[in-house]
Amino acid sequence: MKYLMSFCLIILVAFAACKEGKKTAHEKTEPKKELAFDSFGEKLISDNAITSSELLAKYETMKTGDTINIKFASSIKEVCSKKGCWMKLPLGEDAETMVRFKDYGFFMPLDAKDKEVIVAGKGFVKETSVKELQHYAEDAGKSKEEIAKITEPKTEYTFVADGVLIKK
C-alpha cells in the first residue's frame, strides 16, 4: 500500500510538471519587432542623426581639407550602377555629398536609389580632379558626350562612411 501511494504521488507530480501553465505578464514573450533598417558597415543606431540641411550648413563653414565626424539622414539621389561603391546624397536643392565607404569595406545595393539612409563617418571638403569626376560619370552610366563636358575640377562636399542604415 505504501508503494502504491508513492507510485500514485510520483505519477501525479509528473502530470503536474508536464501541464502547461498560464504565463504571467513578465513571462510573455513579445513578438520580435522587425528592424526598420538594413545595416551596412559598422553598426549604427538611428537616433541623434542631423538633417541633410544641417550638414550643408556645417559644410558651408568649412574649407578644403577640414574634416568633421558626423551622423546624418538623407535619401539616396544616385548610387554607383556597377557595384554600389559610392552614392550621392542631396543636402539641399543645389548641393549634394559624394559618399564612399571606409576601406571599400562594404557597398550599397544597386537598387537603393531614393531610399532613406542614415550615414555615419567623416565629412570633408575636397577638390575633385577632372579624371575622378569623369570616372564617377562613367560609373553612373553617363554618355560619352556628357563625360567629355567635364573639363574643370570641382570643390565638393565628400563623406567617408563607417556605417550606413538603409530604411526598409
N, C-alpha and C. Protein backbone atom coordinates (compact mmCIF):
# COMPACT_ATOMS: atom_id res chain seq x y z
N MET A 1 0.82 -1.18 0.00
CA MET A 1 0.00 0.00 0.00
C MET A 1 0.88 1.25 0.00
N LYS A 2 1.90 1.21 0.79
CA LYS A 2 2.83 2.33 0.89
C LYS A 2 3.44 2.61 -0.49
N TYR A 3 3.80 1.52 -1.19
CA TYR A 3 4.40 1.68 -2.51
C TYR A 3 3.39 2.20 -3.53
N LEU A 4 2.15 1.77 -3.40
CA LEU A 4 1.10 2.20 -4.31
C LEU A 4 0.85 3.70 -4.16
N MET A 5 0.83 4.19 -2.94
CA MET A 5 0.62 5.63 -2.70
C MET A 5 1.81 6.43 -3.22
N SER A 6 3.01 5.93 -3.04
CA SER A 6 4.21 6.61 -3.54
C SER A 6 4.18 6.66 -5.06
N PHE A 7 3.77 5.53 -5.68
CA PHE A 7 3.69 5.46 -7.14
C PHE A 7 2.66 6.47 -7.67
N CYS A 8 1.51 6.54 -7.04
CA CYS A 8 0.45 7.48 -7.44
C CYS A 8 0.92 8.92 -7.28
N LEU A 9 1.63 9.19 -6.21
CA LEU A 9 2.14 10.55 -5.97
C LEU A 9 3.15 10.94 -7.04
N ILE A 10 4.01 10.01 -7.43
CA ILE A 10 5.00 10.27 -8.48
C ILE A 10 4.29 10.56 -9.80
N ILE A 11 3.28 9.77 -10.15
CA ILE A 11 2.52 9.96 -11.39
C ILE A 11 1.83 11.32 -11.36
N LEU A 12 1.24 11.68 -10.25
CA LEU A 12 0.54 12.95 -10.10
C LEU A 12 1.51 14.12 -10.29
N VAL A 13 2.69 14.04 -9.69
CA VAL A 13 3.71 15.08 -9.82
C VAL A 13 4.19 15.18 -11.26
N ALA A 14 4.37 14.04 -11.91
CA ALA A 14 4.83 14.03 -13.31
C ALA A 14 3.80 14.72 -14.21
N PHE A 15 2.50 14.42 -14.03
CA PHE A 15 1.47 15.08 -14.84
C PHE A 15 1.41 16.57 -14.55
N ALA A 16 1.57 16.95 -13.32
CA ALA A 16 1.51 18.37 -12.96
C ALA A 16 2.70 19.12 -13.56
N ALA A 17 3.84 18.48 -13.61
CA ALA A 17 5.03 19.11 -14.17
C ALA A 17 4.90 19.28 -15.68
N CYS A 18 4.23 18.38 -16.35
CA CYS A 18 4.09 18.45 -17.80
C CYS A 18 3.01 19.42 -18.24
N LYS A 19 2.10 19.74 -17.36
CA LYS A 19 0.99 20.62 -17.71
C LYS A 19 1.52 22.02 -18.01
N GLU A 20 1.04 22.60 -19.13
CA GLU A 20 1.44 23.97 -19.46
C GLU A 20 0.59 24.92 -18.67
N GLY A 21 1.23 25.74 -17.86
CA GLY A 21 0.51 26.72 -17.08
C GLY A 21 0.39 28.03 -17.84
N LYS A 22 -0.44 28.91 -17.35
CA LYS A 22 -0.56 30.22 -17.97
C LYS A 22 0.69 31.03 -17.66
N LYS A 23 1.13 31.79 -18.64
CA LYS A 23 2.31 32.62 -18.42
C LYS A 23 1.87 33.94 -17.80
N THR A 24 2.67 34.40 -16.88
CA THR A 24 2.37 35.69 -16.27
C THR A 24 2.82 36.79 -17.23
N ALA A 25 2.45 38.01 -16.93
CA ALA A 25 2.74 39.14 -17.83
C ALA A 25 4.24 39.27 -18.10
N HIS A 26 5.07 39.07 -17.09
CA HIS A 26 6.51 39.23 -17.31
C HIS A 26 7.13 38.03 -18.02
N GLU A 27 6.42 36.91 -18.08
CA GLU A 27 6.93 35.74 -18.78
C GLU A 27 6.53 35.72 -20.26
N LYS A 28 5.52 36.50 -20.62
CA LYS A 28 5.08 36.50 -22.01
C LYS A 28 6.18 37.07 -22.88
N THR A 29 6.39 36.42 -23.98
CA THR A 29 7.40 36.92 -24.91
C THR A 29 6.71 37.77 -25.95
N GLU A 30 7.29 38.94 -26.18
CA GLU A 30 6.75 39.83 -27.19
C GLU A 30 7.24 39.36 -28.55
N PRO A 31 6.42 39.52 -29.56
CA PRO A 31 6.90 39.14 -30.89
C PRO A 31 8.08 40.03 -31.26
N LYS A 32 9.02 39.44 -31.99
CA LYS A 32 10.19 40.22 -32.38
C LYS A 32 9.77 41.32 -33.32
N LYS A 33 10.26 42.52 -33.04
CA LYS A 33 9.97 43.64 -33.91
C LYS A 33 10.93 43.59 -35.08
N GLU A 34 10.39 43.79 -36.27
CA GLU A 34 11.23 43.79 -37.46
C GLU A 34 12.02 45.10 -37.47
N LEU A 35 13.29 45.00 -37.77
CA LEU A 35 14.11 46.19 -37.82
C LEU A 35 13.68 47.07 -38.97
N ALA A 36 13.71 48.37 -38.75
CA ALA A 36 13.27 49.32 -39.77
C ALA A 36 14.38 49.62 -40.77
N PHE A 37 15.61 49.16 -40.50
CA PHE A 37 16.75 49.47 -41.35
C PHE A 37 17.57 48.22 -41.66
N ASP A 38 18.19 48.23 -42.85
CA ASP A 38 19.24 47.27 -43.16
C ASP A 38 20.55 47.97 -42.83
N SER A 39 21.49 47.26 -42.23
CA SER A 39 22.74 47.85 -41.77
C SER A 39 23.91 47.40 -42.65
N PHE A 40 24.78 48.37 -42.97
CA PHE A 40 25.98 48.10 -43.76
C PHE A 40 27.16 48.73 -43.04
N GLY A 41 28.31 48.04 -43.02
CA GLY A 41 29.49 48.57 -42.35
C GLY A 41 29.36 48.45 -40.85
N GLU A 42 29.93 49.42 -40.14
CA GLU A 42 29.86 49.39 -38.67
C GLU A 42 28.43 49.56 -38.21
N LYS A 43 28.12 48.96 -37.07
CA LYS A 43 26.77 49.03 -36.53
C LYS A 43 26.47 50.45 -36.06
N LEU A 44 25.27 50.91 -36.39
CA LEU A 44 24.82 52.25 -36.02
C LEU A 44 23.48 52.15 -35.31
N ILE A 45 23.17 53.18 -34.56
CA ILE A 45 21.81 53.35 -34.07
C ILE A 45 21.24 54.55 -34.80
N SER A 46 19.95 54.56 -34.98
CA SER A 46 19.34 55.56 -35.84
C SER A 46 19.10 56.91 -35.17
N ASP A 47 19.25 57.00 -33.86
CA ASP A 47 18.94 58.28 -33.21
C ASP A 47 20.10 59.27 -33.28
N ASN A 48 19.79 60.52 -33.02
CA ASN A 48 20.74 61.64 -32.98
C ASN A 48 21.40 61.97 -34.31
N ALA A 49 20.76 61.63 -35.42
CA ALA A 49 21.29 61.99 -36.73
C ALA A 49 20.78 63.39 -37.07
N ILE A 50 21.67 64.24 -37.60
CA ILE A 50 21.24 65.56 -38.02
C ILE A 50 20.61 65.45 -39.41
N THR A 51 19.93 66.51 -39.84
CA THR A 51 19.32 66.50 -41.16
C THR A 51 20.37 66.86 -42.21
N SER A 52 20.05 66.60 -43.45
CA SER A 52 20.97 66.93 -44.53
C SER A 52 21.16 68.44 -44.65
N SER A 53 20.13 69.23 -44.38
CA SER A 53 20.29 70.68 -44.44
C SER A 53 21.19 71.19 -43.31
N GLU A 54 21.16 70.54 -42.15
CA GLU A 54 22.07 70.91 -41.06
C GLU A 54 23.51 70.57 -41.45
N LEU A 55 23.71 69.44 -42.14
CA LEU A 55 25.05 69.09 -42.60
C LEU A 55 25.53 70.11 -43.63
N LEU A 56 24.66 70.53 -44.53
CA LEU A 56 25.04 71.53 -45.53
C LEU A 56 25.52 72.81 -44.85
N ALA A 57 24.83 73.25 -43.81
CA ALA A 57 25.24 74.45 -43.08
C ALA A 57 26.64 74.27 -42.49
N LYS A 58 26.95 73.08 -42.00
CA LYS A 58 28.30 72.81 -41.47
C LYS A 58 29.33 72.83 -42.59
N TYR A 59 29.02 72.16 -43.72
CA TYR A 59 29.93 72.14 -44.86
C TYR A 59 30.25 73.56 -45.35
N GLU A 60 29.26 74.42 -45.37
CA GLU A 60 29.44 75.77 -45.89
C GLU A 60 30.41 76.61 -45.06
N THR A 61 30.65 76.21 -43.82
CA THR A 61 31.60 76.93 -42.96
C THR A 61 33.01 76.34 -43.04
N MET A 62 33.15 75.23 -43.76
CA MET A 62 34.43 74.52 -43.83
C MET A 62 35.25 74.95 -45.04
N LYS A 63 36.57 74.74 -44.94
CA LYS A 63 37.49 75.00 -46.04
C LYS A 63 38.02 73.66 -46.55
N THR A 64 38.60 73.66 -47.74
CA THR A 64 39.19 72.45 -48.30
C THR A 64 40.17 71.86 -47.28
N GLY A 65 40.00 70.58 -46.99
CA GLY A 65 40.87 69.89 -46.03
C GLY A 65 40.28 69.77 -44.63
N ASP A 66 39.25 70.57 -44.31
CA ASP A 66 38.61 70.45 -42.99
C ASP A 66 37.81 69.15 -42.93
N THR A 67 37.74 68.55 -41.72
CA THR A 67 37.03 67.28 -41.53
C THR A 67 36.16 67.35 -40.29
N ILE A 68 34.98 66.71 -40.33
CA ILE A 68 34.11 66.58 -39.16
C ILE A 68 33.62 65.14 -39.06
N ASN A 69 33.45 64.66 -37.84
CA ASN A 69 32.81 63.37 -37.60
C ASN A 69 31.34 63.64 -37.36
N ILE A 70 30.46 62.96 -38.09
CA ILE A 70 29.05 63.30 -38.03
C ILE A 70 28.17 62.12 -38.44
N LYS A 71 26.92 62.17 -38.03
CA LYS A 71 25.90 61.21 -38.48
C LYS A 71 24.72 62.03 -38.98
N PHE A 72 24.27 61.72 -40.21
CA PHE A 72 23.16 62.50 -40.76
C PHE A 72 22.22 61.61 -41.55
N ALA A 73 21.02 62.15 -41.79
CA ALA A 73 19.98 61.44 -42.54
C ALA A 73 19.72 62.15 -43.86
N SER A 74 19.48 61.36 -44.89
CA SER A 74 19.17 61.90 -46.21
C SER A 74 18.47 60.81 -47.01
N SER A 75 18.36 61.02 -48.32
CA SER A 75 17.86 59.97 -49.21
C SER A 75 18.86 59.82 -50.35
N ILE A 76 18.91 58.66 -50.92
CA ILE A 76 19.91 58.39 -51.96
C ILE A 76 19.44 58.98 -53.29
N LYS A 77 20.25 59.90 -53.81
CA LYS A 77 19.97 60.52 -55.11
C LYS A 77 20.48 59.64 -56.24
N GLU A 78 21.65 59.03 -56.02
CA GLU A 78 22.29 58.23 -57.06
C GLU A 78 23.21 57.23 -56.37
N VAL A 79 23.36 56.05 -56.98
CA VAL A 79 24.28 55.04 -56.46
C VAL A 79 25.07 54.47 -57.64
N CYS A 80 26.32 54.10 -57.39
CA CYS A 80 27.17 53.51 -58.44
C CYS A 80 26.44 52.33 -59.06
N SER A 81 26.26 52.39 -60.38
CA SER A 81 25.49 51.34 -61.06
C SER A 81 26.30 50.08 -61.33
N LYS A 82 27.61 50.14 -61.10
CA LYS A 82 28.44 48.96 -61.38
C LYS A 82 28.53 48.02 -60.19
N LYS A 83 28.81 48.58 -58.99
CA LYS A 83 28.89 47.70 -57.82
C LYS A 83 28.45 48.34 -56.51
N GLY A 84 27.91 49.55 -56.56
CA GLY A 84 27.42 50.19 -55.33
C GLY A 84 28.52 50.75 -54.47
N CYS A 85 29.65 51.14 -55.09
CA CYS A 85 30.83 51.57 -54.31
C CYS A 85 30.78 53.04 -53.90
N TRP A 86 29.80 53.80 -54.32
CA TRP A 86 29.59 55.17 -53.87
C TRP A 86 28.12 55.52 -54.03
N MET A 87 27.73 56.60 -53.37
CA MET A 87 26.37 57.13 -53.55
C MET A 87 26.41 58.63 -53.38
N LYS A 88 25.43 59.31 -53.95
CA LYS A 88 25.29 60.75 -53.80
C LYS A 88 24.02 61.01 -53.02
N LEU A 89 24.15 61.88 -52.00
CA LEU A 89 23.02 62.22 -51.16
C LEU A 89 22.77 63.72 -51.26
N PRO A 90 21.52 64.13 -51.48
CA PRO A 90 21.23 65.56 -51.55
C PRO A 90 21.34 66.21 -50.18
N LEU A 91 21.86 67.45 -50.19
CA LEU A 91 21.97 68.23 -48.95
C LEU A 91 21.02 69.41 -48.98
N GLY A 92 20.55 69.74 -50.13
CA GLY A 92 19.63 70.86 -50.32
C GLY A 92 19.21 70.80 -51.78
N GLU A 93 18.64 71.89 -52.26
CA GLU A 93 18.18 71.90 -53.65
C GLU A 93 19.33 71.81 -54.65
N ASP A 94 20.45 72.49 -54.36
CA ASP A 94 21.55 72.55 -55.31
C ASP A 94 22.84 71.89 -54.81
N ALA A 95 22.81 71.29 -53.65
CA ALA A 95 24.04 70.72 -53.08
C ALA A 95 23.84 69.24 -52.79
N GLU A 96 24.95 68.51 -52.86
CA GLU A 96 24.94 67.09 -52.55
C GLU A 96 26.28 66.70 -51.97
N THR A 97 26.32 65.52 -51.37
CA THR A 97 27.59 64.99 -50.89
C THR A 97 27.85 63.65 -51.55
N MET A 98 29.09 63.45 -51.93
CA MET A 98 29.54 62.18 -52.51
C MET A 98 29.99 61.31 -51.36
N VAL A 99 29.39 60.14 -51.22
CA VAL A 99 29.70 59.23 -50.11
C VAL A 99 30.40 57.99 -50.66
N ARG A 100 31.58 57.73 -50.09
CA ARG A 100 32.29 56.48 -50.36
C ARG A 100 32.35 55.72 -49.03
N PHE A 101 32.82 54.48 -49.07
CA PHE A 101 32.75 53.63 -47.90
C PHE A 101 34.13 53.26 -47.41
N LYS A 102 34.32 53.39 -46.10
CA LYS A 102 35.62 53.21 -45.46
C LYS A 102 36.29 51.92 -45.92
N ASP A 103 37.49 52.08 -46.46
CA ASP A 103 38.33 50.95 -46.89
C ASP A 103 37.63 50.01 -47.88
N TYR A 104 36.65 50.52 -48.62
CA TYR A 104 35.86 49.69 -49.53
C TYR A 104 35.34 48.45 -48.80
N GLY A 105 35.03 48.63 -47.52
CA GLY A 105 34.61 47.51 -46.69
C GLY A 105 33.19 47.03 -46.92
N PHE A 106 32.39 47.83 -47.60
CA PHE A 106 31.01 47.44 -47.89
C PHE A 106 30.51 48.29 -49.05
N PHE A 107 29.41 47.86 -49.65
CA PHE A 107 28.82 48.55 -50.78
C PHE A 107 27.31 48.66 -50.58
N MET A 108 26.69 49.53 -51.34
CA MET A 108 25.25 49.71 -51.28
C MET A 108 24.57 48.82 -52.34
N PRO A 109 23.32 48.44 -52.07
CA PRO A 109 22.58 47.71 -53.09
C PRO A 109 22.40 48.60 -54.33
N LEU A 110 22.48 48.01 -55.50
CA LEU A 110 22.38 48.79 -56.73
C LEU A 110 21.01 49.42 -56.93
N ASP A 111 19.99 48.88 -56.27
CA ASP A 111 18.64 49.41 -56.40
C ASP A 111 18.25 50.34 -55.24
N ALA A 112 19.24 50.94 -54.59
CA ALA A 112 18.98 51.73 -53.39
C ALA A 112 18.56 53.18 -53.67
N LYS A 113 18.52 53.58 -54.92
CA LYS A 113 18.16 54.96 -55.26
C LYS A 113 16.81 55.32 -54.62
N ASP A 114 16.74 56.55 -54.08
CA ASP A 114 15.54 57.12 -53.46
C ASP A 114 15.22 56.56 -52.07
N LYS A 115 16.01 55.62 -51.56
CA LYS A 115 15.75 55.10 -50.22
C LYS A 115 16.33 56.05 -49.18
N GLU A 116 15.69 56.08 -48.02
CA GLU A 116 16.17 56.91 -46.91
C GLU A 116 17.34 56.21 -46.23
N VAL A 117 18.35 57.01 -45.85
CA VAL A 117 19.53 56.46 -45.21
C VAL A 117 19.96 57.31 -44.02
N ILE A 118 20.68 56.67 -43.12
CA ILE A 118 21.40 57.36 -42.06
C ILE A 118 22.85 56.93 -42.23
N VAL A 119 23.74 57.92 -42.31
CA VAL A 119 25.14 57.67 -42.63
C VAL A 119 25.99 58.25 -41.50
N ALA A 120 26.99 57.49 -41.04
CA ALA A 120 27.91 57.98 -40.02
C ALA A 120 29.34 57.85 -40.54
N GLY A 121 30.15 58.87 -40.26
CA GLY A 121 31.55 58.85 -40.69
C GLY A 121 32.16 60.22 -40.67
N LYS A 122 33.05 60.48 -41.63
CA LYS A 122 33.78 61.74 -41.71
C LYS A 122 33.35 62.52 -42.95
N GLY A 123 32.97 63.76 -42.71
CA GLY A 123 32.63 64.65 -43.81
C GLY A 123 33.77 65.63 -44.01
N PHE A 124 34.08 65.95 -45.27
CA PHE A 124 35.13 66.92 -45.53
C PHE A 124 34.91 67.58 -46.88
N VAL A 125 35.60 68.69 -47.08
CA VAL A 125 35.54 69.44 -48.32
C VAL A 125 36.81 69.13 -49.09
N LYS A 126 36.67 68.80 -50.38
CA LYS A 126 37.85 68.50 -51.19
C LYS A 126 37.65 68.97 -52.62
N GLU A 127 38.75 69.11 -53.31
CA GLU A 127 38.69 69.43 -54.72
C GLU A 127 38.86 68.12 -55.48
N THR A 128 37.88 67.80 -56.33
CA THR A 128 37.89 66.56 -57.09
C THR A 128 38.43 66.83 -58.50
N SER A 129 39.39 66.01 -58.92
CA SER A 129 40.03 66.19 -60.22
C SER A 129 39.07 65.87 -61.37
N VAL A 130 39.41 66.37 -62.55
CA VAL A 130 38.63 66.11 -63.76
C VAL A 130 38.58 64.60 -64.03
N LYS A 131 39.72 63.93 -63.89
CA LYS A 131 39.80 62.50 -64.16
C LYS A 131 38.85 61.72 -63.23
N GLU A 132 38.84 62.08 -61.95
CA GLU A 132 37.97 61.40 -60.99
C GLU A 132 36.49 61.69 -61.29
N LEU A 133 36.17 62.94 -61.63
CA LEU A 133 34.80 63.31 -61.97
C LEU A 133 34.32 62.53 -63.20
N GLN A 134 35.19 62.37 -64.18
CA GLN A 134 34.84 61.62 -65.37
C GLN A 134 34.61 60.14 -65.04
N HIS A 135 35.43 59.60 -64.14
CA HIS A 135 35.28 58.21 -63.71
C HIS A 135 33.90 58.01 -63.06
N TYR A 136 33.52 58.93 -62.16
CA TYR A 136 32.22 58.83 -61.49
C TYR A 136 31.08 58.94 -62.50
N ALA A 137 31.23 59.82 -63.48
CA ALA A 137 30.20 59.97 -64.51
C ALA A 137 30.05 58.67 -65.31
N GLU A 138 31.19 58.03 -65.61
CA GLU A 138 31.15 56.75 -66.33
C GLU A 138 30.46 55.69 -65.50
N ASP A 139 30.80 55.62 -64.18
CA ASP A 139 30.15 54.66 -63.28
C ASP A 139 28.64 54.88 -63.21
N ALA A 140 28.23 56.14 -63.33
CA ALA A 140 26.81 56.48 -63.23
C ALA A 140 26.07 56.21 -64.54
N GLY A 141 26.81 55.77 -65.58
CA GLY A 141 26.18 55.45 -66.84
C GLY A 141 25.95 56.64 -67.75
N LYS A 142 26.68 57.73 -67.53
CA LYS A 142 26.54 58.93 -68.37
C LYS A 142 27.09 58.64 -69.78
N SER A 143 26.60 59.41 -70.75
CA SER A 143 27.05 59.23 -72.14
C SER A 143 28.46 59.80 -72.31
N LYS A 144 29.12 59.40 -73.40
CA LYS A 144 30.47 59.91 -73.69
C LYS A 144 30.44 61.41 -73.88
N GLU A 145 29.37 61.94 -74.44
CA GLU A 145 29.25 63.39 -74.63
C GLU A 145 29.18 64.11 -73.28
N GLU A 146 28.41 63.56 -72.35
CA GLU A 146 28.29 64.16 -71.02
C GLU A 146 29.64 64.10 -70.29
N ILE A 147 30.33 62.99 -70.43
CA ILE A 147 31.64 62.82 -69.77
C ILE A 147 32.65 63.81 -70.36
N ALA A 148 32.61 64.01 -71.67
CA ALA A 148 33.55 64.92 -72.34
C ALA A 148 33.34 66.37 -71.90
N LYS A 149 32.15 66.73 -71.42
CA LYS A 149 31.87 68.09 -70.97
C LYS A 149 32.52 68.40 -69.62
N ILE A 150 33.02 67.39 -68.93
CA ILE A 150 33.67 67.60 -67.63
C ILE A 150 35.11 68.02 -67.90
N THR A 151 35.39 69.32 -67.69
CA THR A 151 36.71 69.85 -68.05
C THR A 151 37.39 70.61 -66.92
N GLU A 152 36.69 70.79 -65.80
CA GLU A 152 37.29 71.54 -64.68
C GLU A 152 37.11 70.78 -63.38
N PRO A 153 38.10 70.89 -62.48
CA PRO A 153 37.94 70.25 -61.16
C PRO A 153 36.79 70.92 -60.41
N LYS A 154 36.29 70.24 -59.40
CA LYS A 154 35.12 70.73 -58.68
C LYS A 154 35.36 70.63 -57.17
N THR A 155 35.01 71.69 -56.45
CA THR A 155 35.05 71.64 -55.00
C THR A 155 33.80 70.92 -54.55
N GLU A 156 34.00 69.85 -53.78
CA GLU A 156 32.87 69.01 -53.40
C GLU A 156 32.81 68.76 -51.91
N TYR A 157 31.59 68.49 -51.46
CA TYR A 157 31.36 68.03 -50.10
C TYR A 157 31.40 66.50 -50.17
N THR A 158 32.37 65.90 -49.54
CA THR A 158 32.53 64.46 -49.61
C THR A 158 32.39 63.83 -48.24
N PHE A 159 32.21 62.53 -48.24
CA PHE A 159 31.93 61.82 -47.00
C PHE A 159 32.49 60.41 -47.11
N VAL A 160 33.18 59.96 -46.08
CA VAL A 160 33.62 58.57 -45.99
C VAL A 160 32.81 57.94 -44.86
N ALA A 161 31.95 57.01 -45.23
CA ALA A 161 31.04 56.39 -44.27
C ALA A 161 31.68 55.17 -43.60
N ASP A 162 31.55 55.14 -42.29
CA ASP A 162 31.93 53.95 -41.50
C ASP A 162 30.79 52.96 -41.49
N GLY A 163 29.56 53.49 -41.49
CA GLY A 163 28.37 52.64 -41.45
C GLY A 163 27.18 53.36 -42.05
N VAL A 164 26.24 52.57 -42.56
CA VAL A 164 25.05 53.10 -43.20
C VAL A 164 23.84 52.27 -42.78
N LEU A 165 22.75 52.95 -42.51
CA LEU A 165 21.46 52.31 -42.29
C LEU A 165 20.56 52.70 -43.45
N ILE A 166 19.95 51.72 -44.12
CA ILE A 166 19.02 51.99 -45.21
C ILE A 166 17.63 51.56 -44.74
N LYS A 167 16.70 52.50 -44.82
CA LYS A 167 15.33 52.19 -44.41
C LYS A 167 14.73 51.13 -45.32
N LYS A 168 14.09 50.15 -44.71
CA LYS A 168 13.49 49.04 -45.48
C LYS A 168 12.24 49.51 -46.19
